[in-house]
Amino acid sequence: MFKKIRVLILLYILLMVAVAGWLAKARSTDWDKSLNVTVYAINGDGSDVSQKYIDEIQKSDFNDIEEFFEKEGKTYKLNLKKPVDVSFAGELKSKPPMPPRNASPLSIIFWSLKLRYWAWQNDNYPYPEDVQIFVLYFDPAKTPTVAHSLGLQKGLIGVVNAFANKKMKKENHVIIAHELLHTVGAIDKYDPSTNQPLYPTGYADPVPRQHHVDQLA
């Protein structure tokens, strides 16, 4: 009898998790209200350079991400003035669990659950949020290349590896926007083995302009 009760409790918890995930996914892709995105900064390498960069971050630094989504929203005739509202939660001392080197389905599932639990534990932002983006900053002089960033639709979590350099802020924000789009269901449009864009979906303008002119002539 006790075993049956434990099984029922477990099934109930799994059901609640599934329903919560489905509701979060539906809410994040309805685009009937602004998507609340919270950015957390993490000193990825423990360097003074990264710390100084983090200490100087302001909420307004992320305005260009909001402007990008506003522009794209108009392009796709989205009936929403501000599709994305980015907030800055400040620095976080804890680091997210690293993705598994052994990319077996079971290890990926286990890591995903660990990441979602870690994100829940470190949610110190007092206001409602839909998406959490954790940005780990690295001193480019010490770490010229960083690991791939990622965005999970299940849990609406992004982990971004970025450079602690003001000259690279725009590049960092492109990656943040990229992973943010992953959290709401967008897929990559490039070949992971070469990092080159796939044709034609990975091209901003897959048909050359001259070809348009030739067709009209």
N, C-alpha and C. Protein backbone atom coordinates (compact mmCIF):
# COMPACT_ATOMS: atom_id res chain seq x y z
N MET A 1 0.83 -1.21 0.00
CA MET A 1 0.00 0.00 0.00
C MET A 1 0.87 1.27 0.00
N PHE A 2 1.90 1.25 0.87
CA PHE A 2 2.80 2.41 0.96
C PHE A 2 3.53 2.63 -0.37
N LYS A 3 3.90 1.54 -1.03
CA LYS A 3 4.59 1.64 -2.32
C LYS A 3 3.69 2.28 -3.37
N LYS A 4 2.42 1.90 -3.36
CA LYS A 4 1.47 2.48 -4.33
C LYS A 4 1.29 3.98 -4.09
N ILE A 5 1.27 4.37 -2.83
CA ILE A 5 1.13 5.79 -2.50
C ILE A 5 2.33 6.58 -3.00
N ARG A 6 3.54 6.01 -2.83
CA ARG A 6 4.76 6.67 -3.30
C ARG A 6 4.74 6.84 -4.81
N VAL A 7 4.27 5.78 -5.50
CA VAL A 7 4.19 5.85 -6.96
C VAL A 7 3.20 6.92 -7.39
N LEU A 8 2.07 6.99 -6.72
CA LEU A 8 1.06 7.99 -7.05
C LEU A 8 1.58 9.41 -6.82
N ILE A 9 2.31 9.59 -5.71
CA ILE A 9 2.89 10.90 -5.42
C ILE A 9 3.90 11.29 -6.50
N LEU A 10 4.73 10.34 -6.90
CA LEU A 10 5.73 10.60 -7.94
C LEU A 10 5.06 10.95 -9.27
N LEU A 11 4.01 10.21 -9.62
CA LEU A 11 3.29 10.48 -10.86
C LEU A 11 2.63 11.86 -10.81
N TYR A 12 2.14 12.23 -9.64
CA TYR A 12 1.52 13.55 -9.48
C TYR A 12 2.56 14.65 -9.68
N ILE A 13 3.74 14.47 -9.09
CA ILE A 13 4.81 15.47 -9.23
C ILE A 13 5.22 15.59 -10.69
N LEU A 14 5.39 14.45 -11.37
CA LEU A 14 5.78 14.48 -12.78
C LEU A 14 4.71 15.17 -13.62
N LEU A 15 3.44 14.92 -13.29
CA LEU A 15 2.34 15.56 -14.01
C LEU A 15 2.38 17.07 -13.82
N MET A 16 2.62 17.52 -12.58
CA MET A 16 2.68 18.96 -12.30
C MET A 16 3.85 19.61 -13.03
N VAL A 17 4.99 18.91 -13.07
CA VAL A 17 6.15 19.44 -13.79
C VAL A 17 5.85 19.57 -15.27
N ALA A 18 5.19 18.53 -15.83
CA ALA A 18 4.86 18.55 -17.26
C ALA A 18 3.87 19.67 -17.58
N VAL A 19 2.85 19.84 -16.73
CA VAL A 19 1.86 20.89 -16.95
C VAL A 19 2.50 22.27 -16.82
N ALA A 20 3.35 22.45 -15.81
CA ALA A 20 4.03 23.73 -15.61
C ALA A 20 4.91 24.06 -16.80
N GLY A 21 5.62 23.04 -17.33
CA GLY A 21 6.47 23.25 -18.50
C GLY A 21 5.66 23.62 -19.72
N TRP A 22 4.52 22.94 -19.89
CA TRP A 22 3.67 23.24 -21.05
C TRP A 22 3.10 24.64 -20.96
N LEU A 23 2.66 25.05 -19.77
CA LEU A 23 2.11 26.40 -19.60
C LEU A 23 3.17 27.47 -19.84
N ALA A 24 4.40 27.22 -19.34
CA ALA A 24 5.49 28.18 -19.53
C ALA A 24 5.83 28.31 -21.01
N LYS A 25 5.86 27.19 -21.71
CA LYS A 25 6.16 27.21 -23.14
C LYS A 25 5.08 27.96 -23.91
N ALA A 26 3.81 27.69 -23.57
CA ALA A 26 2.71 28.37 -24.26
C ALA A 26 2.73 29.86 -23.99
N ARG A 27 2.98 30.23 -22.73
CA ARG A 27 2.99 31.65 -22.35
C ARG A 27 4.12 32.40 -23.04
N SER A 28 5.27 31.75 -23.18
CA SER A 28 6.44 32.42 -23.75
C SER A 28 6.34 32.61 -25.26
N THR A 29 5.46 31.87 -25.91
CA THR A 29 5.33 31.97 -27.37
C THR A 29 4.02 32.57 -27.82
N ASP A 30 3.18 33.01 -26.88
CA ASP A 30 1.92 33.66 -27.25
C ASP A 30 2.16 35.06 -27.81
N TRP A 31 3.16 35.75 -27.28
CA TRP A 31 3.50 37.12 -27.67
C TRP A 31 2.30 38.06 -27.54
N ASP A 32 1.53 37.83 -26.48
CA ASP A 32 0.42 38.75 -26.20
C ASP A 32 0.78 39.74 -25.11
N LYS A 33 1.97 39.56 -24.51
CA LYS A 33 2.51 40.53 -23.55
C LYS A 33 4.03 40.43 -23.59
N SER A 34 4.68 41.43 -23.02
CA SER A 34 6.14 41.46 -23.02
C SER A 34 6.72 40.23 -22.31
N LEU A 35 7.78 39.69 -22.89
CA LEU A 35 8.49 38.58 -22.28
C LEU A 35 9.51 39.15 -21.31
N ASN A 36 9.35 38.83 -20.03
CA ASN A 36 10.25 39.35 -19.00
C ASN A 36 11.52 38.50 -18.94
N VAL A 37 12.63 39.10 -19.34
CA VAL A 37 13.92 38.40 -19.39
C VAL A 37 14.84 38.99 -18.33
N THR A 38 15.38 38.15 -17.48
CA THR A 38 16.29 38.60 -16.43
C THR A 38 17.69 38.07 -16.71
N VAL A 39 18.66 38.99 -16.73
CA VAL A 39 20.06 38.65 -16.98
C VAL A 39 20.82 38.64 -15.66
N TYR A 40 21.56 37.57 -15.42
CA TYR A 40 22.44 37.46 -14.25
C TYR A 40 23.88 37.43 -14.76
N ALA A 41 24.78 38.18 -14.11
CA ALA A 41 26.19 38.20 -14.49
C ALA A 41 27.00 37.31 -13.54
N ILE A 42 27.92 36.54 -14.13
CA ILE A 42 28.76 35.64 -13.34
C ILE A 42 30.21 35.82 -13.77
N ASN A 43 31.10 35.92 -12.80
CA ASN A 43 32.54 36.01 -13.10
C ASN A 43 33.02 34.61 -13.47
N GLY A 44 33.13 34.36 -14.77
CA GLY A 44 33.41 33.01 -15.24
C GLY A 44 34.81 32.52 -14.93
N ASP A 45 35.81 33.43 -14.90
CA ASP A 45 37.18 33.01 -14.68
C ASP A 45 37.77 33.53 -13.37
N GLY A 46 36.97 34.27 -12.59
CA GLY A 46 37.44 34.78 -11.31
C GLY A 46 38.48 35.88 -11.43
N SER A 47 38.61 36.46 -12.62
CA SER A 47 39.65 37.48 -12.85
C SER A 47 39.17 38.87 -12.41
N ASP A 48 40.15 39.75 -12.16
CA ASP A 48 39.83 41.14 -11.82
C ASP A 48 39.21 41.87 -13.00
N VAL A 49 39.63 41.51 -14.21
CA VAL A 49 39.10 42.14 -15.42
C VAL A 49 37.61 41.85 -15.55
N SER A 50 37.24 40.60 -15.36
CA SER A 50 35.83 40.22 -15.45
C SER A 50 35.02 40.88 -14.34
N GLN A 51 35.60 40.95 -13.14
CA GLN A 51 34.90 41.55 -12.02
C GLN A 51 34.65 43.03 -12.26
N LYS A 52 35.65 43.74 -12.78
CA LYS A 52 35.50 45.16 -13.06
C LYS A 52 34.41 45.38 -14.12
N TYR A 53 34.39 44.53 -15.12
CA TYR A 53 33.39 44.63 -16.18
C TYR A 53 31.99 44.44 -15.60
N ILE A 54 31.84 43.42 -14.76
CA ILE A 54 30.53 43.13 -14.15
C ILE A 54 30.08 44.27 -13.26
N ASP A 55 31.01 44.83 -12.49
CA ASP A 55 30.67 45.91 -11.56
C ASP A 55 30.13 47.14 -12.28
N GLU A 56 30.46 47.29 -13.56
CA GLU A 56 30.06 48.48 -14.31
C GLU A 56 28.81 48.25 -15.18
N ILE A 57 28.27 47.04 -15.16
CA ILE A 57 27.09 46.75 -15.98
C ILE A 57 25.87 47.47 -15.43
N GLN A 58 25.10 48.08 -16.34
CA GLN A 58 23.84 48.75 -16.00
C GLN A 58 22.71 48.11 -16.79
N LYS A 59 21.50 48.23 -16.30
CA LYS A 59 20.34 47.71 -17.02
C LYS A 59 20.25 48.28 -18.43
N SER A 60 20.59 49.56 -18.57
CA SER A 60 20.49 50.22 -19.87
C SER A 60 21.45 49.63 -20.90
N ASP A 61 22.47 48.90 -20.45
CA ASP A 61 23.41 48.28 -21.38
C ASP A 61 22.71 47.28 -22.29
N PHE A 62 21.57 46.76 -21.85
CA PHE A 62 20.87 45.73 -22.61
C PHE A 62 19.73 46.29 -23.47
N ASN A 63 19.69 47.61 -23.59
CA ASN A 63 18.64 48.24 -24.40
C ASN A 63 18.68 47.80 -25.85
N ASP A 64 19.89 47.54 -26.36
CA ASP A 64 20.00 47.15 -27.76
C ASP A 64 19.31 45.81 -28.04
N ILE A 65 19.26 44.93 -27.03
CA ILE A 65 18.55 43.66 -27.20
C ILE A 65 17.05 43.91 -27.32
N GLU A 66 16.53 44.78 -26.46
CA GLU A 66 15.12 45.14 -26.53
C GLU A 66 14.80 45.78 -27.88
N GLU A 67 15.68 46.66 -28.35
CA GLU A 67 15.46 47.35 -29.63
C GLU A 67 15.48 46.37 -30.80
N PHE A 68 16.33 45.35 -30.72
CA PHE A 68 16.37 44.33 -31.76
C PHE A 68 15.03 43.61 -31.88
N PHE A 69 14.47 43.22 -30.73
CA PHE A 69 13.19 42.51 -30.75
C PHE A 69 12.03 43.43 -31.16
N GLU A 70 12.13 44.71 -30.81
CA GLU A 70 11.11 45.66 -31.25
C GLU A 70 11.13 45.77 -32.77
N LYS A 71 12.31 45.86 -33.34
CA LYS A 71 12.46 45.96 -34.79
C LYS A 71 11.94 44.71 -35.49
N GLU A 72 12.34 43.54 -34.97
CA GLU A 72 11.89 42.29 -35.58
C GLU A 72 10.38 42.10 -35.39
N GLY A 73 9.85 42.57 -34.26
CA GLY A 73 8.41 42.47 -34.03
C GLY A 73 7.63 43.24 -35.09
N LYS A 74 8.13 44.42 -35.47
CA LYS A 74 7.48 45.20 -36.52
C LYS A 74 7.59 44.50 -37.87
N THR A 75 8.74 43.88 -38.10
CA THR A 75 8.93 43.15 -39.37
C THR A 75 7.90 42.04 -39.53
N TYR A 76 7.61 41.35 -38.43
CA TYR A 76 6.66 40.24 -38.47
C TYR A 76 5.25 40.65 -38.04
N LYS A 77 5.04 41.99 -38.00
CA LYS A 77 3.71 42.55 -37.70
C LYS A 77 3.18 42.03 -36.36
N LEU A 78 4.05 41.99 -35.39
CA LEU A 78 3.66 41.57 -34.05
C LEU A 78 2.94 42.72 -33.36
N ASN A 79 1.75 42.45 -32.87
CA ASN A 79 0.94 43.48 -32.24
C ASN A 79 1.35 43.68 -30.79
N LEU A 80 2.60 44.07 -30.59
CA LEU A 80 3.15 44.25 -29.26
C LEU A 80 4.27 45.27 -29.35
N LYS A 81 4.12 46.37 -28.61
CA LYS A 81 5.09 47.46 -28.71
C LYS A 81 6.47 47.04 -28.22
N LYS A 82 6.52 46.29 -27.12
CA LYS A 82 7.80 45.87 -26.54
C LYS A 82 7.78 44.36 -26.32
N PRO A 83 8.22 43.58 -27.30
CA PRO A 83 8.16 42.12 -27.18
C PRO A 83 9.00 41.57 -26.03
N VAL A 84 10.15 42.21 -25.78
CA VAL A 84 11.07 41.71 -24.75
C VAL A 84 11.44 42.83 -23.79
N ASP A 85 11.32 42.55 -22.50
CA ASP A 85 11.69 43.51 -21.46
C ASP A 85 12.83 42.90 -20.65
N VAL A 86 14.04 43.46 -20.83
CA VAL A 86 15.23 42.89 -20.19
C VAL A 86 15.54 43.60 -18.88
N SER A 87 15.71 42.84 -17.82
CA SER A 87 16.11 43.36 -16.52
C SER A 87 17.47 42.79 -16.15
N PHE A 88 18.19 43.49 -15.29
CA PHE A 88 19.50 43.02 -14.84
C PHE A 88 19.45 42.76 -13.35
N ALA A 89 19.71 41.51 -12.96
CA ALA A 89 19.62 41.10 -11.56
C ALA A 89 20.93 41.25 -10.81
N GLY A 90 21.97 41.75 -11.48
CA GLY A 90 23.26 41.92 -10.82
C GLY A 90 24.12 40.67 -10.90
N GLU A 91 25.10 40.60 -10.01
CA GLU A 91 26.06 39.50 -10.05
C GLU A 91 25.58 38.30 -9.25
N LEU A 92 25.93 37.13 -9.77
CA LEU A 92 25.63 35.87 -9.09
C LEU A 92 26.96 35.17 -8.84
N LYS A 93 27.18 34.74 -7.63
CA LYS A 93 28.46 34.11 -7.28
C LYS A 93 28.52 32.63 -7.66
N SER A 94 27.37 31.99 -7.73
CA SER A 94 27.31 30.57 -8.06
C SER A 94 27.43 30.36 -9.57
N LYS A 95 28.02 29.24 -9.98
CA LYS A 95 28.15 28.91 -11.40
C LYS A 95 27.23 27.75 -11.76
N PRO A 96 26.68 27.76 -12.98
CA PRO A 96 25.78 26.68 -13.39
C PRO A 96 26.53 25.38 -13.62
N PRO A 97 25.86 24.24 -13.49
CA PRO A 97 26.51 22.95 -13.77
C PRO A 97 26.91 22.87 -15.23
N MET A 98 28.08 22.31 -15.48
CA MET A 98 28.61 22.21 -16.83
C MET A 98 27.90 21.10 -17.62
N PRO A 99 27.71 21.30 -18.93
CA PRO A 99 27.11 20.24 -19.75
C PRO A 99 28.01 19.00 -19.74
N PRO A 100 27.43 17.81 -19.86
CA PRO A 100 28.22 16.58 -19.80
C PRO A 100 29.09 16.40 -21.03
N ARG A 101 30.29 15.88 -20.83
CA ARG A 101 31.15 15.55 -21.97
C ARG A 101 30.61 14.33 -22.70
N ASN A 102 30.07 13.41 -21.92
CA ASN A 102 29.43 12.24 -22.51
C ASN A 102 28.00 12.60 -22.88
N ALA A 103 27.78 12.90 -24.14
CA ALA A 103 26.49 13.44 -24.58
C ALA A 103 25.46 12.34 -24.82
N SER A 104 25.32 11.42 -23.87
CA SER A 104 24.28 10.40 -23.99
C SER A 104 22.95 11.02 -23.60
N PRO A 105 21.84 10.50 -24.14
CA PRO A 105 20.52 11.07 -23.82
C PRO A 105 20.26 11.14 -22.33
N LEU A 106 20.65 10.09 -21.59
CA LEU A 106 20.39 10.06 -20.15
C LEU A 106 21.19 11.14 -19.42
N SER A 107 22.47 11.30 -19.81
CA SER A 107 23.31 12.29 -19.13
C SER A 107 22.82 13.70 -19.44
N ILE A 108 22.31 13.93 -20.65
CA ILE A 108 21.79 15.25 -21.02
C ILE A 108 20.53 15.56 -20.23
N ILE A 109 19.65 14.58 -20.07
CA ILE A 109 18.43 14.76 -19.29
C ILE A 109 18.77 15.08 -17.85
N PHE A 110 19.71 14.32 -17.29
CA PHE A 110 20.10 14.53 -15.89
C PHE A 110 20.71 15.92 -15.71
N TRP A 111 21.59 16.33 -16.65
CA TRP A 111 22.20 17.66 -16.57
C TRP A 111 21.15 18.76 -16.71
N SER A 112 20.19 18.57 -17.60
CA SER A 112 19.13 19.56 -17.79
C SER A 112 18.33 19.77 -16.51
N LEU A 113 18.03 18.67 -15.82
CA LEU A 113 17.31 18.76 -14.55
C LEU A 113 18.15 19.48 -13.49
N LYS A 114 19.46 19.18 -13.46
CA LYS A 114 20.36 19.84 -12.51
C LYS A 114 20.42 21.34 -12.78
N LEU A 115 20.48 21.70 -14.07
CA LEU A 115 20.54 23.12 -14.42
C LEU A 115 19.27 23.84 -14.02
N ARG A 116 18.14 23.23 -14.27
CA ARG A 116 16.86 23.86 -13.92
C ARG A 116 16.72 24.00 -12.41
N TYR A 117 17.19 23.01 -11.66
CA TYR A 117 17.15 23.09 -10.20
C TYR A 117 18.10 24.18 -9.70
N TRP A 118 19.29 24.25 -10.30
CA TRP A 118 20.26 25.28 -9.94
C TRP A 118 19.70 26.66 -10.21
N ALA A 119 19.06 26.85 -11.37
CA ALA A 119 18.48 28.14 -11.73
C ALA A 119 17.39 28.54 -10.73
N TRP A 120 16.60 27.56 -10.31
CA TRP A 120 15.54 27.83 -9.32
C TRP A 120 16.16 28.23 -7.98
N GLN A 121 17.23 27.55 -7.59
CA GLN A 121 17.90 27.87 -6.33
C GLN A 121 18.49 29.28 -6.33
N ASN A 122 18.97 29.72 -7.49
CA ASN A 122 19.67 31.01 -7.58
C ASN A 122 18.81 32.12 -8.15
N ASP A 123 17.52 31.91 -8.14
CA ASP A 123 16.60 32.95 -8.61
C ASP A 123 16.41 33.97 -7.49
N ASN A 124 17.25 35.03 -7.52
CA ASN A 124 17.17 36.04 -6.46
C ASN A 124 16.51 37.32 -6.93
N TYR A 125 15.88 37.28 -8.11
CA TYR A 125 15.24 38.49 -8.63
C TYR A 125 13.83 38.59 -8.06
N PRO A 126 13.48 39.73 -7.46
CA PRO A 126 12.20 39.82 -6.73
C PRO A 126 10.98 40.04 -7.61
N TYR A 127 11.16 40.22 -8.93
CA TYR A 127 10.03 40.52 -9.80
C TYR A 127 9.74 39.35 -10.73
N PRO A 128 8.52 39.28 -11.28
CA PRO A 128 8.17 38.17 -12.18
C PRO A 128 9.10 38.10 -13.39
N GLU A 129 9.48 36.89 -13.76
CA GLU A 129 10.35 36.71 -14.92
C GLU A 129 9.89 35.48 -15.70
N ASP A 130 10.08 35.55 -17.01
CA ASP A 130 9.73 34.41 -17.87
C ASP A 130 10.98 33.63 -18.26
N VAL A 131 12.06 34.35 -18.55
CA VAL A 131 13.30 33.73 -19.02
C VAL A 131 14.47 34.19 -18.15
N GLN A 132 15.33 33.25 -17.79
CA GLN A 132 16.55 33.56 -17.05
C GLN A 132 17.75 33.36 -17.98
N ILE A 133 18.60 34.38 -18.08
CA ILE A 133 19.82 34.28 -18.88
C ILE A 133 21.01 34.49 -17.95
N PHE A 134 21.84 33.47 -17.81
CA PHE A 134 23.03 33.55 -16.97
C PHE A 134 24.25 33.76 -17.86
N VAL A 135 24.92 34.91 -17.68
CA VAL A 135 26.05 35.26 -18.55
C VAL A 135 27.35 35.14 -17.76
N LEU A 136 28.21 34.24 -18.20
CA LEU A 136 29.52 34.08 -17.60
C LEU A 136 30.53 34.90 -18.40
N TYR A 137 31.21 35.82 -17.72
CA TYR A 137 32.15 36.70 -18.40
C TYR A 137 33.58 36.21 -18.18
N PHE A 138 34.40 36.33 -19.26
CA PHE A 138 35.78 35.88 -19.24
C PHE A 138 36.69 36.99 -19.78
N ASP A 139 37.88 37.08 -19.20
CA ASP A 139 38.89 38.02 -19.68
C ASP A 139 39.44 37.48 -21.00
N PRO A 140 39.22 38.19 -22.13
CA PRO A 140 39.67 37.68 -23.43
C PRO A 140 41.18 37.51 -23.54
N ALA A 141 41.93 38.23 -22.70
CA ALA A 141 43.38 38.08 -22.73
C ALA A 141 43.80 36.72 -22.17
N LYS A 142 43.02 36.20 -21.22
CA LYS A 142 43.32 34.90 -20.63
C LYS A 142 42.55 33.77 -21.31
N THR A 143 41.35 34.10 -21.80
CA THR A 143 40.50 33.08 -22.44
C THR A 143 40.06 33.60 -23.80
N PRO A 144 40.90 33.42 -24.83
CA PRO A 144 40.57 33.95 -26.15
C PRO A 144 39.38 33.28 -26.82
N THR A 145 39.08 32.06 -26.42
CA THR A 145 37.89 31.36 -26.94
C THR A 145 37.11 30.79 -25.76
N VAL A 146 35.80 30.82 -25.88
CA VAL A 146 34.95 30.32 -24.81
C VAL A 146 34.09 29.17 -25.32
N ALA A 147 33.53 28.42 -24.40
CA ALA A 147 32.67 27.29 -24.77
C ALA A 147 31.38 27.80 -25.41
N HIS A 148 30.70 26.91 -26.10
CA HIS A 148 29.43 27.26 -26.74
C HIS A 148 28.40 27.65 -25.69
N SER A 149 27.60 28.64 -26.03
CA SER A 149 26.48 29.02 -25.17
C SER A 149 25.29 28.13 -25.49
N LEU A 150 24.25 28.22 -24.67
CA LEU A 150 23.09 27.36 -24.89
C LEU A 150 21.82 28.02 -24.37
N GLY A 151 20.71 27.58 -24.93
CA GLY A 151 19.40 28.04 -24.50
C GLY A 151 18.44 26.87 -24.45
N LEU A 152 17.77 26.69 -23.32
CA LEU A 152 16.85 25.57 -23.15
C LEU A 152 15.41 26.06 -23.14
N GLN A 153 14.59 25.46 -23.99
CA GLN A 153 13.17 25.82 -23.97
C GLN A 153 12.49 25.25 -22.74
N LYS A 154 12.90 24.06 -22.32
CA LYS A 154 12.35 23.49 -21.10
C LYS A 154 13.03 24.17 -19.91
N GLY A 155 12.29 24.98 -19.22
CA GLY A 155 12.84 25.74 -18.12
C GLY A 155 13.10 27.19 -18.48
N LEU A 156 13.11 27.50 -19.77
CA LEU A 156 13.34 28.87 -20.25
C LEU A 156 14.61 29.46 -19.63
N ILE A 157 15.73 28.76 -19.87
CA ILE A 157 17.02 29.14 -19.30
C ILE A 157 18.07 29.26 -20.39
N GLY A 158 18.88 30.31 -20.31
CA GLY A 158 20.00 30.46 -21.21
C GLY A 158 21.29 30.60 -20.43
N VAL A 159 22.35 29.97 -20.91
CA VAL A 159 23.69 30.11 -20.32
C VAL A 159 24.61 30.61 -21.41
N VAL A 160 25.15 31.81 -21.22
CA VAL A 160 25.95 32.48 -22.24
C VAL A 160 27.38 32.67 -21.74
N ASN A 161 28.34 32.28 -22.57
CA ASN A 161 29.75 32.54 -22.29
C ASN A 161 30.16 33.76 -23.10
N ALA A 162 30.59 34.82 -22.41
CA ALA A 162 30.85 36.10 -23.06
C ALA A 162 32.21 36.65 -22.63
N PHE A 163 32.61 37.74 -23.29
CA PHE A 163 33.91 38.35 -23.01
C PHE A 163 33.75 39.64 -22.21
N ALA A 164 34.59 39.82 -21.22
CA ALA A 164 34.57 41.01 -20.37
C ALA A 164 35.36 42.13 -21.03
N ASN A 165 34.79 42.64 -22.11
CA ASN A 165 35.44 43.70 -22.87
C ASN A 165 34.36 44.58 -23.48
N LYS A 166 34.40 45.89 -23.21
CA LYS A 166 33.36 46.79 -23.69
C LYS A 166 33.28 46.81 -25.21
N LYS A 167 34.41 46.60 -25.87
CA LYS A 167 34.42 46.60 -27.34
C LYS A 167 33.67 45.39 -27.89
N MET A 168 33.47 44.38 -27.08
CA MET A 168 32.80 43.16 -27.53
C MET A 168 31.38 43.05 -26.98
N LYS A 169 30.88 44.15 -26.43
CA LYS A 169 29.54 44.12 -25.83
C LYS A 169 28.47 43.75 -26.86
N LYS A 170 28.56 44.34 -28.05
CA LYS A 170 27.55 44.04 -29.07
C LYS A 170 27.57 42.58 -29.48
N GLU A 171 28.80 42.03 -29.63
CA GLU A 171 28.90 40.61 -29.96
C GLU A 171 28.30 39.75 -28.84
N ASN A 172 28.57 40.15 -27.59
CA ASN A 172 27.98 39.41 -26.45
C ASN A 172 26.46 39.44 -26.51
N HIS A 173 25.91 40.59 -26.85
CA HIS A 173 24.45 40.74 -26.86
C HIS A 173 23.81 39.99 -28.03
N VAL A 174 24.55 39.83 -29.12
CA VAL A 174 24.05 39.00 -30.23
C VAL A 174 23.87 37.56 -29.73
N ILE A 175 24.84 37.09 -28.96
CA ILE A 175 24.77 35.72 -28.44
C ILE A 175 23.63 35.60 -27.42
N ILE A 176 23.47 36.62 -26.57
CA ILE A 176 22.37 36.59 -25.60
C ILE A 176 21.03 36.52 -26.33
N ALA A 177 20.86 37.35 -27.37
CA ALA A 177 19.62 37.33 -28.14
C ALA A 177 19.43 35.98 -28.83
N HIS A 178 20.52 35.41 -29.32
CA HIS A 178 20.48 34.10 -29.99
C HIS A 178 19.98 33.02 -29.03
N GLU A 179 20.56 32.97 -27.84
CA GLU A 179 20.15 31.95 -26.87
C GLU A 179 18.75 32.23 -26.32
N LEU A 180 18.40 33.49 -26.21
CA LEU A 180 17.04 33.85 -25.79
C LEU A 180 16.02 33.29 -26.78
N LEU A 181 16.33 33.40 -28.06
CA LEU A 181 15.43 32.85 -29.08
C LEU A 181 15.32 31.34 -28.98
N HIS A 182 16.42 30.68 -28.58
CA HIS A 182 16.35 29.23 -28.37
C HIS A 182 15.35 28.89 -27.26
N THR A 183 15.30 29.71 -26.21
CA THR A 183 14.40 29.40 -25.09
C THR A 183 12.93 29.47 -25.50
N VAL A 184 12.63 30.18 -26.58
CA VAL A 184 11.23 30.26 -27.03
C VAL A 184 11.00 29.41 -28.28
N GLY A 185 11.94 28.49 -28.55
CA GLY A 185 11.69 27.49 -29.58
C GLY A 185 12.43 27.63 -30.89
N ALA A 186 13.21 28.70 -31.07
CA ALA A 186 13.95 28.86 -32.32
C ALA A 186 15.06 27.80 -32.40
N ILE A 187 15.34 27.34 -33.62
CA ILE A 187 16.38 26.33 -33.81
C ILE A 187 17.57 26.96 -34.54
N ASP A 188 18.73 26.31 -34.43
CA ASP A 188 19.92 26.82 -35.10
C ASP A 188 19.78 26.72 -36.61
N LYS A 189 20.34 27.70 -37.30
CA LYS A 189 20.31 27.72 -38.76
C LYS A 189 21.73 27.58 -39.33
N TYR A 190 22.58 26.87 -38.59
CA TYR A 190 23.95 26.65 -39.06
C TYR A 190 24.37 25.22 -38.79
N ASP A 191 25.43 24.79 -39.48
CA ASP A 191 25.95 23.44 -39.32
C ASP A 191 26.91 23.43 -38.13
N PRO A 192 26.59 22.71 -37.05
CA PRO A 192 27.45 22.68 -35.86
C PRO A 192 28.87 22.21 -36.14
N SER A 193 29.05 21.38 -37.16
CA SER A 193 30.39 20.84 -37.46
C SER A 193 31.30 21.88 -38.11
N THR A 194 30.70 22.87 -38.77
CA THR A 194 31.51 23.89 -39.48
C THR A 194 31.23 25.31 -38.99
N ASN A 195 30.14 25.48 -38.23
CA ASN A 195 29.69 26.82 -37.78
C ASN A 195 29.31 27.73 -38.95
N GLN A 196 29.07 27.14 -40.11
CA GLN A 196 28.67 27.91 -41.27
C GLN A 196 27.14 27.87 -41.43
N PRO A 197 26.53 28.97 -41.91
CA PRO A 197 25.07 29.00 -42.04
C PRO A 197 24.55 28.00 -43.07
N LEU A 198 23.39 27.43 -42.76
CA LEU A 198 22.75 26.51 -43.70
C LEU A 198 22.01 27.30 -44.77
N TYR A 199 22.02 26.81 -45.98
CA TYR A 199 21.31 27.49 -47.07
C TYR A 199 19.99 26.77 -47.34
N PRO A 200 18.88 27.50 -47.49
CA PRO A 200 18.76 28.96 -47.47
C PRO A 200 18.32 29.53 -46.11
N THR A 201 17.95 28.62 -45.14
CA THR A 201 17.35 29.11 -43.90
C THR A 201 18.31 29.94 -43.06
N GLY A 202 19.62 29.71 -43.21
CA GLY A 202 20.59 30.43 -42.41
C GLY A 202 21.05 31.75 -43.00
N TYR A 203 20.46 32.14 -44.12
CA TYR A 203 20.86 33.38 -44.78
C TYR A 203 19.81 34.46 -44.57
N ALA A 204 20.29 35.65 -44.26
CA ALA A 204 19.38 36.78 -44.10
C ALA A 204 18.73 37.12 -45.43
N ASP A 205 19.50 37.00 -46.52
CA ASP A 205 18.98 37.27 -47.86
C ASP A 205 19.49 36.17 -48.79
N PRO A 206 18.80 35.01 -48.79
CA PRO A 206 19.31 33.86 -49.56
C PRO A 206 19.30 34.07 -51.06
N VAL A 207 18.47 35.01 -51.54
CA VAL A 207 18.41 35.29 -52.99
C VAL A 207 19.17 36.58 -53.26
N PRO A 208 20.28 36.54 -53.99
CA PRO A 208 21.06 37.75 -54.26
C PRO A 208 20.20 38.86 -54.85
N ARG A 209 20.52 40.10 -54.51
CA ARG A 209 19.75 41.25 -54.97
C ARG A 209 19.71 41.31 -56.49
N GLN A 210 20.84 40.98 -57.15
CA GLN A 210 20.89 41.05 -58.60
C GLN A 210 19.90 40.07 -59.22
N HIS A 211 19.68 38.93 -58.54
CA HIS A 211 18.72 37.94 -59.04
C HIS A 211 17.31 38.52 -59.02
N HIS A 212 17.00 39.33 -57.98
CA HIS A 212 15.69 39.99 -57.92
C HIS A 212 15.53 40.93 -59.11
N VAL A 213 16.61 41.67 -59.41
CA VAL A 213 16.57 42.63 -60.51
C VAL A 213 16.36 41.92 -61.83
N ASP A 214 17.09 40.78 -62.01
CA ASP A 214 16.95 40.02 -63.25
C ASP A 214 15.54 39.49 -63.43
N GLN A 215 14.89 39.09 -62.31
CA GLN A 215 13.56 38.55 -62.40
C GLN A 215 12.55 39.64 -62.81
N LEU A 216 12.80 40.87 -62.36
CA LEU A 216 11.89 41.96 -62.66
C LEU A 216 12.11 42.50 -64.07
N ALA A 217 13.30 42.27 -64.64
CA ALA A 217 13.62 42.84 -65.96
C ALA A 217 12.81 42.15 -67.07
